[in-house]
Amino acid sequence: MWLAERCGLSDLVAEKVKLTGTTNGAGAAADAKVSSIVVGMAAGADSIDDLDVLRHGAIPMLFGGIRAPSTLGTFLRAFTHGHALQLHAVHRGFLAALAAHTPLLPGSGEKAFIDVDSTHKRVYGRAKQGAEYGRFKGIRTLHPLLATICTPHSRPVIATARMRRGKAADSRGAPKFVSEALATAAEAGCTGTRVLRADSQFYNAAVISACRRAGAHFSITCGMNPSIKRAVLSIPDQAWQPITYPTAVPDPATGALTSPFHTKATTATLRSHLVQVPARIARSARRITLRLPHNWPWQHAWTHVFSTAHGPAD
């Protein structure tokens, strides 16, 4: 959280998020409430009720201004679409500051990839705004757009997101969303070659025009129609290039890519590796000591995160 403060998270929220017109005080102290939600998510909270983890143990001694889950729930339910866009503006500014303070996107000055896709999120409440029965029969969903940024040397980070109703078409709002994602990447230090990657849902003239206006390259899947088929068949065999998947999981025996089931079984989340540290806090003679385990395989990665967050002020 100290790293978030160094990157100006609270100041950005106080400047851009204005919940006016609420009669129950939901819009007060938006910076403290957003910070509480961020800390809770980093600690493993997956729902509003889970944010009660912030009031367990000695956490209130480390962080001030922690709000109760009910208060945070009232705050989140007061948001409209316009308020969500205010949070997007906070995210955009914070991502740029985070990239400036940490090696978040190494090599972004040379090449960066912006991946855009839509997804479906199942919800259960009938009164939830935008929840509809769409592509999946009998399942009520939301249909958001997501964009991530990565480089050949980094993992993807979320560039922007846009919530949409469940029945929204796959490409609804895509041109404006693509423009925003490319602009966010530029603000985050992606000053070299930017390549937008998307599937056939985004194969339309408006998305291509948005890429060209931003000076970005694009790699978009398109359907096999007669003109595309003729163009592919006209490519000489010598012009084809093999594709290398740098993060693929090959089979040691055959060298072929493993199945999705094996891939899913080889990794875990960042939170369980670096944030949920198997350690304990001891207190003696008014001195707090953090005791870390010996021979922990993630020691160097955790030390790097800690040094970045608690390094000398710029």
C-alpha atoms as a PDB file:
ATOM      1  CA  MET A   1       0.000   0.000   0.000  1.00  0.00           C
ATOM      2  CA  TRP A   2       2.994   2.251   0.516  1.00  0.00           C
ATOM      3  CA  LEU A   3       3.776   1.787  -3.175  1.00  0.00           C
ATOM      4  CA  ALA A   4       0.212   2.847  -4.037  1.00  0.00           C
ATOM      5  CA  GLU A   5       0.664   5.989  -1.969  1.00  0.00           C
ATOM      6  CA  ARG A   6       3.965   6.758  -3.682  1.00  0.00           C
ATOM      7  CA  CYS A   7       2.167   6.487  -7.015  1.00  0.00           C
ATOM      8  CA  GLY A   8      -0.536   8.898  -5.845  1.00  0.00           C
ATOM      9  CA  LEU A   9      -3.553   6.584  -5.638  1.00  0.00           C
ATOM     10  CA  SER A  10      -5.327   8.527  -2.884  1.00  0.00           C
ATOM     11  CA  ASP A  11      -4.662  11.871  -4.556  1.00  0.00           C
ATOM     12  CA  LEU A  12      -6.006  10.596  -7.879  1.00  0.00           C
ATOM     13  CA  VAL A  13      -9.194   9.304  -6.250  1.00  0.00           C
ATOM     14  CA  ALA A  14      -9.725  12.534  -4.307  1.00  0.00           C
ATOM     15  CA  GLU A  15      -9.275  14.536  -7.506  1.00  0.00           C
ATOM     16  CA  LYS A  16     -11.357  12.500  -9.948  1.00  0.00           C
ATOM     17  CA  VAL A  17     -14.020  10.537  -8.033  1.00  0.00           C
ATOM     18  CA  LYS A  18     -16.961  12.738  -7.013  1.00  0.00           C
ATOM     19  CA  LEU A  19     -20.093  10.959  -5.797  1.00  0.00           C
ATOM     20  CA  THR A  20     -22.398  13.951  -5.569  1.00  0.00           C
ATOM     21  CA  GLY A  21     -26.088  13.754  -4.796  1.00  0.00           C
ATOM     22  CA  THR A  22     -25.950  10.836  -2.356  1.00  0.00           C
ATOM     23  CA  THR A  23     -28.150  11.298   0.690  1.00  0.00           C
ATOM     24  CA  ASN A  24     -26.526   8.671   2.907  1.00  0.00           C
ATOM     25  CA  GLY A  25     -22.970  10.022   2.864  1.00  0.00           C
ATOM     26  CA  ALA A  26     -21.790   7.257   0.533  1.00  0.00           C
ATOM     27  CA  GLY A  27     -19.573   9.658  -1.391  1.00  0.00           C
ATOM     28  CA  ALA A  28     -17.598  10.920   1.605  1.00  0.00           C
ATOM     29  CA  ALA A  29     -13.887  10.050   1.905  1.00  0.00           C
ATOM     30  CA  ALA A  30     -13.773   8.257  -1.439  1.00  0.00           C
ATOM     31  CA  ASP A  31      -9.970   8.071  -1.291  1.00  0.00           C
ATOM     32  CA  ALA A  32      -9.985   6.148   2.010  1.00  0.00           C
ATOM     33  CA  LYS A  33     -12.713   3.796   0.806  1.00  0.00           C
ATOM     34  CA  VAL A  34     -10.999   2.983  -2.477  1.00  0.00           C
ATOM     35  CA  SER A  35      -7.732   2.402  -0.605  1.00  0.00           C
ATOM     36  CA  SER A  36      -9.506   0.023   1.783  1.00  0.00           C
ATOM     37  CA  ILE A  37     -10.913  -1.942  -1.149  1.00  0.00           C
ATOM     38  CA  VAL A  38      -7.490  -2.162  -2.810  1.00  0.00           C
ATOM     39  CA  VAL A  39      -5.848  -3.407   0.398  1.00  0.00           C
ATOM     40  CA  GLY A  40      -8.639  -5.935   0.903  1.00  0.00           C
ATOM     41  CA  MET A  41      -8.292  -7.296  -2.622  1.00  0.00           C
ATOM     42  CA  ALA A  42      -4.526  -7.605  -2.169  1.00  0.00           C
ATOM     43  CA  ALA A  43      -5.193  -9.543   1.043  1.00  0.00           C
ATOM     44  CA  GLY A  44      -7.437 -12.002  -0.792  1.00  0.00           C
ATOM     45  CA  ALA A  45     -10.933 -10.500  -0.527  1.00  0.00           C
ATOM     46  CA  ASP A  46     -13.218 -11.685  -3.341  1.00  0.00           C
ATOM     47  CA  SER A  47     -16.453 -10.048  -2.173  1.00  0.00           C
ATOM     48  CA  ILE A  48     -17.691  -7.144  -0.081  1.00  0.00           C
ATOM     49  CA  ASP A  49     -18.077  -9.364   2.983  1.00  0.00           C
ATOM     50  CA  ASP A  50     -14.494 -10.592   2.561  1.00  0.00           C
ATOM     51  CA  LEU A  51     -13.246  -7.026   3.114  1.00  0.00           C
ATOM     52  CA  ASP A  52     -13.720  -7.692   6.821  1.00  0.00           C
ATOM     53  CA  VAL A  53     -10.239  -9.250   6.636  1.00  0.00           C
ATOM     54  CA  LEU A  54      -8.901  -5.703   7.063  1.00  0.00           C
ATOM     55  CA  ARG A  55     -10.132  -5.631  10.659  1.00  0.00           C
ATOM     56  CA  HIS A  56      -8.546  -8.916  11.697  1.00  0.00           C
ATOM     57  CA  GLY A  57      -5.469  -9.281  13.846  1.00  0.00           C
ATOM     58  CA  ALA A  58      -2.980  -6.407  13.852  1.00  0.00           C
ATOM     59  CA  ILE A  59      -3.911  -5.025  10.426  1.00  0.00           C
ATOM     60  CA  PRO A  60      -5.616  -1.911  11.912  1.00  0.00           C
ATOM     61  CA  MET A  61      -2.220  -1.085  13.465  1.00  0.00           C
ATOM     62  CA  LEU A  62      -0.618  -1.035  10.003  1.00  0.00           C
ATOM     63  CA  PHE A  63      -3.310   0.837   8.082  1.00  0.00           C
ATOM     64  CA  GLY A  64      -5.399   3.813   9.142  1.00  0.00           C
ATOM     65  CA  GLY A  65      -8.794   4.821   7.799  1.00  0.00           C
ATOM     66  CA  ILE A  66     -10.080   1.275   7.313  1.00  0.00           C
ATOM     67  CA  ARG A  67     -13.827   1.176   6.615  1.00  0.00           C
ATOM     68  CA  ALA A  68     -16.300  -1.566   7.508  1.00  0.00           C
ATOM     69  CA  PRO A  69     -17.557  -3.863   4.727  1.00  0.00           C
ATOM     70  CA  SER A  70     -21.070  -2.423   5.027  1.00  0.00           C
ATOM     71  CA  THR A  71     -19.696   1.095   4.490  1.00  0.00           C
ATOM     72  CA  LEU A  72     -17.690  -0.017   1.468  1.00  0.00           C
ATOM     73  CA  GLY A  73     -20.719  -1.834   0.062  1.00  0.00           C
ATOM     74  CA  THR A  74     -22.842   1.318   0.357  1.00  0.00           C
ATOM     75  CA  PHE A  75     -20.069   3.246  -1.389  1.00  0.00           C
ATOM     76  CA  LEU A  76     -19.853   0.809  -4.306  1.00  0.00           C
ATOM     77  CA  ARG A  77     -23.635   0.575  -4.761  1.00  0.00           C
ATOM     78  CA  ALA A  78     -23.840   4.351  -5.122  1.00  0.00           C
ATOM     79  CA  PHE A  79     -21.804   4.218  -8.341  1.00  0.00           C
ATOM     80  CA  THR A  80     -23.400   4.993 -11.677  1.00  0.00           C
ATOM     81  CA  HIS A  81     -21.857   4.520 -15.122  1.00  0.00           C
ATOM     82  CA  GLY A  82     -20.373   8.010 -14.927  1.00  0.00           C
ATOM     83  CA  HIS A  83     -18.756   7.266 -11.575  1.00  0.00           C
ATOM     84  CA  ALA A  84     -17.285   4.068 -13.026  1.00  0.00           C
ATOM     85  CA  LEU A  85     -15.691   6.169 -15.769  1.00  0.00           C
ATOM     86  CA  GLN A  86     -14.173   8.352 -13.042  1.00  0.00           C
ATOM     87  CA  LEU A  87     -12.551   5.252 -11.568  1.00  0.00           C
ATOM     88  CA  HIS A  88     -11.271   4.343 -15.026  1.00  0.00           C
ATOM     89  CA  ALA A  89      -9.567   7.743 -15.142  1.00  0.00           C
ATOM     90  CA  VAL A  90      -7.964   6.973 -11.767  1.00  0.00           C
ATOM     91  CA  HIS A  91      -6.760   3.607 -13.046  1.00  0.00           C
ATOM     92  CA  ARG A  92      -5.313   5.193 -16.168  1.00  0.00           C
ATOM     93  CA  GLY A  93      -3.296   7.752 -14.206  1.00  0.00           C
ATOM     94  CA  PHE A  94      -2.256   5.224 -11.567  1.00  0.00           C
ATOM     95  CA  LEU A  95      -1.024   2.726 -14.163  1.00  0.00           C
ATOM     96  CA  ALA A  96       1.205   5.390 -15.708  1.00  0.00           C
ATOM     97  CA  ALA A  97       2.632   6.298 -12.284  1.00  0.00           C
ATOM     98  CA  LEU A  98       3.132   2.640 -11.353  1.00  0.00           C
ATOM     99  CA  ALA A  99       5.006   1.980 -14.591  1.00  0.00           C
ATOM    100  CA  ALA A 100       7.242   4.971 -13.828  1.00  0.00           C
ATOM    101  CA  HIS A 101       8.049   3.783 -10.276  1.00  0.00           C
ATOM    102  CA  THR A 102       8.495   0.059 -10.970  1.00  0.00           C
ATOM    103  CA  PRO A 103       9.694  -2.246 -13.778  1.00  0.00           C
ATOM    104  CA  LEU A 104       6.071  -3.064 -14.548  1.00  0.00           C
ATOM    105  CA  LEU A 105       6.470  -3.182 -18.345  1.00  0.00           C
ATOM    106  CA  PRO A 106      10.157  -3.743 -19.148  1.00  0.00           C
ATOM    107  CA  GLY A 107      10.959  -3.166 -22.789  1.00  0.00           C
ATOM    108  CA  SER A 108       7.824  -1.090 -23.393  1.00  0.00           C
ATOM    109  CA  GLY A 109       9.921   1.529 -25.151  1.00  0.00           C
ATOM    110  CA  GLU A 110      10.628  -1.009 -27.902  1.00  0.00           C
ATOM    111  CA  LYS A 111       7.535  -3.185 -28.292  1.00  0.00           C
ATOM    112  CA  ALA A 112       4.242  -3.647 -26.456  1.00  0.00           C
ATOM    113  CA  PHE A 113       1.184  -5.774 -27.100  1.00  0.00           C
ATOM    114  CA  ILE A 114      -2.345  -4.599 -26.327  1.00  0.00           C
ATOM    115  CA  ASP A 115      -4.782  -7.521 -26.185  1.00  0.00           C
ATOM    116  CA  VAL A 116      -8.519  -6.813 -26.381  1.00  0.00           C
ATOM    117  CA  ASP A 117     -11.287  -9.333 -25.765  1.00  0.00           C
ATOM    118  CA  SER A 118     -14.772  -9.679 -24.339  1.00  0.00           C
ATOM    119  CA  THR A 119     -15.841 -12.040 -21.594  1.00  0.00           C
ATOM    120  CA  HIS A 120     -18.983 -13.152 -19.791  1.00  0.00           C
ATOM    121  CA  LYS A 121     -19.341 -12.875 -16.026  1.00  0.00           C
ATOM    122  CA  ARG A 122     -22.128 -14.839 -14.397  1.00  0.00           C
ATOM    123  CA  VAL A 123     -24.252 -12.970 -11.857  1.00  0.00           C
ATOM    124  CA  TYR A 124     -27.249 -14.061  -9.808  1.00  0.00           C
ATOM    125  CA  GLY A 125     -29.117 -10.975  -8.593  1.00  0.00           C
ATOM    126  CA  ARG A 126     -32.160 -10.130 -10.703  1.00  0.00           C
ATOM    127  CA  ALA A 127     -31.860  -6.440  -9.851  1.00  0.00           C
ATOM    128  CA  LYS A 128     -28.214  -6.187 -10.896  1.00  0.00           C
ATOM    129  CA  GLN A 129     -27.885  -3.497 -13.543  1.00  0.00           C
ATOM    130  CA  GLY A 130     -27.145  -4.869 -17.009  1.00  0.00           C
ATOM    131  CA  ALA A 131     -27.525  -8.530 -16.039  1.00  0.00           C
ATOM    132  CA  GLU A 132     -29.329 -10.379 -18.845  1.00  0.00           C
ATOM    133  CA  TYR A 133     -29.782 -13.830 -20.331  1.00  0.00           C
ATOM    134  CA  GLY A 134     -27.536 -13.716 -23.366  1.00  0.00           C
ATOM    135  CA  ARG A 135     -25.286 -16.237 -25.081  1.00  0.00           C
ATOM    136  CA  PHE A 136     -25.541 -18.891 -22.381  1.00  0.00           C
ATOM    137  CA  LYS A 137     -29.016 -20.337 -22.099  1.00  0.00           C
ATOM    138  CA  GLY A 138     -30.509 -19.965 -18.640  1.00  0.00           C
ATOM    139  CA  ILE A 139     -27.468 -18.090 -17.260  1.00  0.00           C
ATOM    140  CA  ARG A 140     -27.650 -14.398 -16.372  1.00  0.00           C
ATOM    141  CA  THR A 141     -24.394 -12.619 -17.245  1.00  0.00           C
ATOM    142  CA  LEU A 142     -22.645  -9.320 -17.771  1.00  0.00           C
ATOM    143  CA  HIS A 143     -20.568  -8.922 -20.940  1.00  0.00           C
ATOM    144  CA  PRO A 144     -17.547  -6.666 -20.243  1.00  0.00           C
ATOM    145  CA  LEU A 145     -14.679  -5.678 -22.506  1.00  0.00           C
ATOM    146  CA  LEU A 146     -11.106  -6.087 -21.226  1.00  0.00           C
ATOM    147  CA  ALA A 147      -7.764  -4.834 -22.502  1.00  0.00           C
ATOM    148  CA  THR A 148      -4.321  -5.827 -21.223  1.00  0.00           C
ATOM    149  CA  ILE A 149      -0.794  -4.580 -21.907  1.00  0.00           C
ATOM    150  CA  CYS A 150       2.310  -6.758 -21.989  1.00  0.00           C
ATOM    151  CA  THR A 151       5.790  -6.791 -23.484  1.00  0.00           C
ATOM    152  CA  PRO A 152       8.033  -9.682 -24.575  1.00  0.00           C
ATOM    153  CA  HIS A 153       9.574  -9.506 -21.083  1.00  0.00           C
ATOM    154  CA  SER A 154       6.534  -8.932 -18.838  1.00  0.00           C
ATOM    155  CA  ARG A 155       3.254 -10.415 -17.751  1.00  0.00           C
ATOM    156  CA  PRO A 156      -0.019  -8.763 -18.848  1.00  0.00           C
ATOM    157  CA  VAL A 157      -1.470  -5.930 -16.781  1.00  0.00           C
ATOM    158  CA  ILE A 158      -5.017  -4.625 -17.143  1.00  0.00           C
ATOM    159  CA  ALA A 159      -5.106  -1.450 -19.224  1.00  0.00           C
ATOM    160  CA  THR A 160      -8.811  -0.731 -19.120  1.00  0.00           C
ATOM    161  CA  ALA A 161     -12.192  -2.403 -18.749  1.00  0.00           C
ATOM    162  CA  ARG A 162     -15.711  -1.520 -19.779  1.00  0.00           C
ATOM    163  CA  MET A 163     -18.826  -3.092 -18.291  1.00  0.00           C
ATOM    164  CA  ARG A 164     -21.675  -3.908 -20.694  1.00  0.00           C
ATOM    165  CA  ARG A 165     -25.071  -5.563 -20.463  1.00  0.00           C
ATOM    166  CA  GLY A 166     -25.297  -9.303 -20.979  1.00  0.00           C
ATOM    167  CA  LYS A 167     -26.884  -9.174 -24.447  1.00  0.00           C
ATOM    168  CA  ALA A 168     -24.440  -6.619 -25.844  1.00  0.00           C
ATOM    169  CA  ALA A 169     -22.871  -7.554 -29.162  1.00  0.00           C
ATOM    170  CA  ASP A 170     -19.248  -8.655 -28.948  1.00  0.00           C
ATOM    171  CA  SER A 171     -17.958  -5.556 -30.773  1.00  0.00           C
ATOM    172  CA  ARG A 172     -20.313  -3.011 -29.198  1.00  0.00           C
ATOM    173  CA  GLY A 173     -18.289   0.072 -28.210  1.00  0.00           C
ATOM    174  CA  ALA A 174     -15.066  -1.567 -29.424  1.00  0.00           C
ATOM    175  CA  PRO A 175     -13.655   1.344 -31.516  1.00  0.00           C
ATOM    176  CA  LYS A 176     -13.740   3.832 -28.634  1.00  0.00           C
ATOM    177  CA  PHE A 177     -12.512   1.170 -26.227  1.00  0.00           C
ATOM    178  CA  VAL A 178      -9.549   0.352 -28.487  1.00  0.00           C
ATOM    179  CA  SER A 179      -8.637   4.046 -28.733  1.00  0.00           C
ATOM    180  CA  GLU A 180      -8.678   4.332 -24.944  1.00  0.00           C
ATOM    181  CA  ALA A 181      -6.567   1.190 -24.494  1.00  0.00           C
ATOM    182  CA  LEU A 182      -3.932   2.422 -26.956  1.00  0.00           C
ATOM    183  CA  ALA A 183      -3.822   5.842 -25.272  1.00  0.00           C
ATOM    184  CA  THR A 184      -3.453   4.193 -21.854  1.00  0.00           C
ATOM    185  CA  ALA A 185      -0.557   2.115 -23.165  1.00  0.00           C
ATOM    186  CA  ALA A 186       1.182   5.244 -24.453  1.00  0.00           C
ATOM    187  CA  GLU A 187       0.770   6.977 -21.079  1.00  0.00           C
ATOM    188  CA  ALA A 188       2.219   3.888 -19.355  1.00  0.00           C
ATOM    189  CA  GLY A 189       5.471   4.280 -21.280  1.00  0.00           C
ATOM    190  CA  CYS A 190       4.735   2.163 -24.357  1.00  0.00           C
ATOM    191  CA  THR A 191       6.432   4.583 -26.728  1.00  0.00           C
ATOM    192  CA  GLY A 192       7.801   2.005 -29.163  1.00  0.00           C
ATOM    193  CA  THR A 193       5.894  -0.288 -31.485  1.00  0.00           C
ATOM    194  CA  ARG A 194       2.392  -0.980 -30.213  1.00  0.00           C
ATOM    195  CA  VAL A 195       0.565  -4.019 -31.580  1.00  0.00           C
ATOM    196  CA  LEU A 196      -3.155  -4.485 -30.967  1.00  0.00           C
ATOM    197  CA  ARG A 197      -4.216  -8.143 -30.918  1.00  0.00           C
ATOM    198  CA  ALA A 198      -7.841  -9.266 -31.089  1.00  0.00           C
ATOM    199  CA  ASP A 199     -10.026 -12.037 -32.459  1.00  0.00           C
ATOM    200  CA  SER A 200     -12.575 -11.921 -35.258  1.00  0.00           C
ATOM    201  CA  GLN A 201     -15.181 -10.212 -33.070  1.00  0.00           C
ATOM    202  CA  PHE A 202     -13.229  -6.986 -33.560  1.00  0.00           C
ATOM    203  CA  TYR A 203     -12.618  -7.361 -37.286  1.00  0.00           C
ATOM    204  CA  ASN A 204     -14.343  -4.215 -38.558  1.00  0.00           C
ATOM    205  CA  ALA A 205     -13.353  -0.959 -40.227  1.00  0.00           C
ATOM    206  CA  ALA A 206     -13.918   1.215 -37.144  1.00  0.00           C
ATOM    207  CA  VAL A 207     -11.443  -0.774 -35.018  1.00  0.00           C
ATOM    208  CA  ILE A 208      -8.836  -0.739 -37.801  1.00  0.00           C
ATOM    209  CA  SER A 209      -9.279   3.030 -38.176  1.00  0.00           C
ATOM    210  CA  ALA A 210      -8.794   3.511 -34.420  1.00  0.00           C
ATOM    211  CA  CYS A 211      -5.472   1.645 -34.624  1.00  0.00           C
ATOM    212  CA  ARG A 212      -4.294   3.708 -37.577  1.00  0.00           C
ATOM    213  CA  ARG A 213      -5.216   7.004 -35.904  1.00  0.00           C
ATOM    214  CA  ALA A 214      -3.169   5.981 -32.861  1.00  0.00           C
ATOM    215  CA  GLY A 215      -0.209   4.924 -35.004  1.00  0.00           C
ATOM    216  CA  ALA A 216      -0.452   1.324 -33.797  1.00  0.00           C
ATOM    217  CA  HIS A 217      -0.008  -1.945 -35.647  1.00  0.00           C
ATOM    218  CA  PHE A 218      -2.726  -4.575 -35.431  1.00  0.00           C
ATOM    219  CA  SER A 219      -3.097  -8.350 -35.622  1.00  0.00           C
ATOM    220  CA  ILE A 220      -6.783  -9.240 -35.849  1.00  0.00           C
ATOM    221  CA  THR A 221      -8.301 -12.576 -36.782  1.00  0.00           C
ATOM    222  CA  CYS A 222     -10.661 -12.439 -39.749  1.00  0.00           C
ATOM    223  CA  GLY A 223     -13.114 -14.893 -41.198  1.00  0.00           C
ATOM    224  CA  MET A 224     -12.199 -17.004 -44.214  1.00  0.00           C
ATOM    225  CA  ASN A 225     -14.049 -15.393 -47.124  1.00  0.00           C
ATOM    226  CA  PRO A 226     -13.142 -15.789 -50.834  1.00  0.00           C
ATOM    227  CA  SER A 227     -10.934 -12.684 -50.979  1.00  0.00           C
ATOM    228  CA  ILE A 228      -9.026 -13.663 -47.822  1.00  0.00           C
ATOM    229  CA  LYS A 229      -8.601 -17.210 -49.108  1.00  0.00           C
ATOM    230  CA  ARG A 230      -7.141 -15.957 -52.397  1.00  0.00           C
ATOM    231  CA  ALA A 231      -4.733 -13.677 -50.522  1.00  0.00           C
ATOM    232  CA  VAL A 232      -3.535 -16.535 -48.280  1.00  0.00           C
ATOM    233  CA  LEU A 233      -3.033 -18.906 -51.206  1.00  0.00           C
ATOM    234  CA  SER A 234      -0.954 -16.287 -53.007  1.00  0.00           C
ATOM    235  CA  ILE A 235       1.653 -16.195 -50.209  1.00  0.00           C
ATOM    236  CA  PRO A 236       4.767 -18.196 -51.217  1.00  0.00           C
ATOM    237  CA  ASP A 237       5.868 -21.030 -48.954  1.00  0.00           C
ATOM    238  CA  GLN A 238       9.187 -19.302 -48.225  1.00  0.00           C
ATOM    239  CA  ALA A 239       7.366 -16.311 -46.704  1.00  0.00           C
ATOM    240  CA  TRP A 240       5.729 -18.265 -43.882  1.00  0.00           C
ATOM    241  CA  GLN A 241       7.354 -17.872 -40.452  1.00  0.00           C
ATOM    242  CA  PRO A 242       7.052 -20.248 -37.476  1.00  0.00           C
ATOM    243  CA  ILE A 243       5.418 -18.870 -34.345  1.00  0.00           C
ATOM    244  CA  THR A 244       7.221 -19.158 -31.014  1.00  0.00           C
ATOM    245  CA  TYR A 245       5.174 -19.177 -27.805  1.00  0.00           C
ATOM    246  CA  PRO A 246       7.574 -17.900 -25.109  1.00  0.00           C
ATOM    247  CA  THR A 247       5.304 -18.762 -22.179  1.00  0.00           C
ATOM    248  CA  ALA A 248       4.032 -22.094 -23.499  1.00  0.00           C
ATOM    249  CA  VAL A 249       4.367 -25.294 -21.478  1.00  0.00           C
ATOM    250  CA  PRO A 250       5.910 -27.972 -23.763  1.00  0.00           C
ATOM    251  CA  ASP A 251       5.785 -31.679 -23.123  1.00  0.00           C
ATOM    252  CA  PRO A 252       9.330 -32.748 -22.069  1.00  0.00           C
ATOM    253  CA  ALA A 253       9.081 -35.963 -24.089  1.00  0.00           C
ATOM    254  CA  THR A 254       7.610 -34.748 -27.384  1.00  0.00           C
ATOM    255  CA  GLY A 255       8.205 -30.994 -27.337  1.00  0.00           C
ATOM    256  CA  ALA A 256       4.547 -30.389 -28.247  1.00  0.00           C
ATOM    257  CA  LEU A 257       2.376 -27.990 -26.276  1.00  0.00           C
ATOM    258  CA  THR A 258       0.595 -29.608 -23.355  1.00  0.00           C
ATOM    259  CA  SER A 259      -3.159 -29.675 -23.024  1.00  0.00           C
ATOM    260  CA  PRO A 260      -5.039 -26.834 -21.268  1.00  0.00           C
ATOM    261  CA  PHE A 261      -5.587 -29.123 -18.290  1.00  0.00           C
ATOM    262  CA  HIS A 262      -1.842 -29.560 -17.771  1.00  0.00           C
ATOM    263  CA  THR A 263      -1.277 -25.850 -18.281  1.00  0.00           C
ATOM    264  CA  LYS A 264      -3.790 -24.951 -15.593  1.00  0.00           C
ATOM    265  CA  ALA A 265      -2.098 -27.317 -13.166  1.00  0.00           C
ATOM    266  CA  THR A 266       1.344 -25.719 -13.487  1.00  0.00           C
ATOM    267  CA  THR A 267       0.700 -22.243 -12.100  1.00  0.00           C
ATOM    268  CA  ALA A 268      -0.976 -20.389  -9.271  1.00  0.00           C
ATOM    269  CA  THR A 269      -1.968 -16.826  -8.612  1.00  0.00           C
ATOM    270  CA  LEU A 270       0.399 -14.005  -7.819  1.00  0.00           C
ATOM    271  CA  ARG A 271      -1.453 -13.407  -4.576  1.00  0.00           C
ATOM    272  CA  SER A 272      -0.825 -16.905  -3.235  1.00  0.00           C
ATOM    273  CA  HIS A 273       2.867 -16.695  -4.210  1.00  0.00           C
ATOM    274  CA  LEU A 274       3.879 -13.211  -3.108  1.00  0.00           C
ATOM    275  CA  VAL A 275       1.162 -11.596  -0.999  1.00  0.00           C
ATOM    276  CA  GLN A 276       0.031 -14.452   1.225  1.00  0.00           C
ATOM    277  CA  VAL A 277       3.460 -14.846   2.797  1.00  0.00           C
ATOM    278  CA  PRO A 278       3.861 -17.857   5.136  1.00  0.00           C
ATOM    279  CA  ALA A 279       5.182 -15.728   7.968  1.00  0.00           C
ATOM    280  CA  ARG A 280       4.216 -14.452  11.391  1.00  0.00           C
ATOM    281  CA  ILE A 281       4.457 -11.137  13.207  1.00  0.00           C
ATOM    282  CA  ALA A 282       5.991 -11.261  16.689  1.00  0.00           C
ATOM    283  CA  ARG A 283       5.762  -8.429  19.196  1.00  0.00           C
ATOM    284  CA  SER A 284       8.175  -8.089  22.090  1.00  0.00           C
ATOM    285  CA  ALA A 285       9.110  -5.072  24.195  1.00  0.00           C
ATOM    286  CA  ARG A 286       7.007  -2.789  21.971  1.00  0.00           C
ATOM    287  CA  ARG A 287       8.939  -3.934  18.910  1.00  0.00           C
ATOM    288  CA  ILE A 288       7.246  -5.645  15.968  1.00  0.00           C
ATOM    289  CA  THR A 289       9.283  -8.308  14.145  1.00  0.00           C
ATOM    290  CA  LEU A 290       8.292  -9.954  10.871  1.00  0.00           C
ATOM    291  CA  ARG A 291       9.579 -13.539  10.820  1.00  0.00           C
ATOM    292  CA  LEU A 292       9.895 -14.973   7.306  1.00  0.00           C
ATOM    293  CA  PRO A 293      10.443 -18.686   6.544  1.00  0.00           C
ATOM    294  CA  HIS A 294      13.763 -20.247   5.573  1.00  0.00           C
ATOM    295  CA  ASN A 295      14.296 -21.791   2.115  1.00  0.00           C
ATOM    296  CA  TRP A 296      11.162 -20.145   0.743  1.00  0.00           C
ATOM    297  CA  PRO A 297      11.235 -20.480  -3.101  1.00  0.00           C
ATOM    298  CA  TRP A 298       9.688 -17.024  -3.622  1.00  0.00           C
ATOM    299  CA  GLN A 299      12.118 -15.198  -1.331  1.00  0.00           C
ATOM    300  CA  HIS A 300      13.884 -13.178  -4.032  1.00  0.00           C
ATOM    301  CA  ALA A 301      10.649 -12.210  -5.806  1.00  0.00           C
ATOM    302  CA  TRP A 302       9.090 -11.076  -2.521  1.00  0.00           C
ATOM    303  CA  THR A 303      12.228  -9.143  -1.566  1.00  0.00           C
ATOM    304  CA  HIS A 304      12.097  -7.354  -4.922  1.00  0.00           C
ATOM    305  CA  VAL A 305       8.464  -6.352  -4.357  1.00  0.00           C
ATOM    306  CA  PHE A 306       9.218  -5.204  -0.798  1.00  0.00           C
ATOM    307  CA  SER A 307      12.275  -3.178  -1.857  1.00  0.00           C
ATOM    308  CA  THR A 308      10.290  -1.511  -4.631  1.00  0.00           C
ATOM    309  CA  ALA A 309       7.425  -0.613  -2.318  1.00  0.00           C
ATOM    310  CA  HIS A 310       9.573   0.610   0.562  1.00  0.00           C
ATOM    311  CA  GLY A 311      12.546   2.035  -1.286  1.00  0.00           C
ATOM    312  CA  PRO A 312      13.816   5.581  -0.747  1.00  0.00           C
ATOM    313  CA  ALA A 313      11.447   8.326  -1.828  1.00  0.00           C
ATOM    314  CA  ASP A 314      12.157   9.907  -5.201  1.00  0.00           C
END
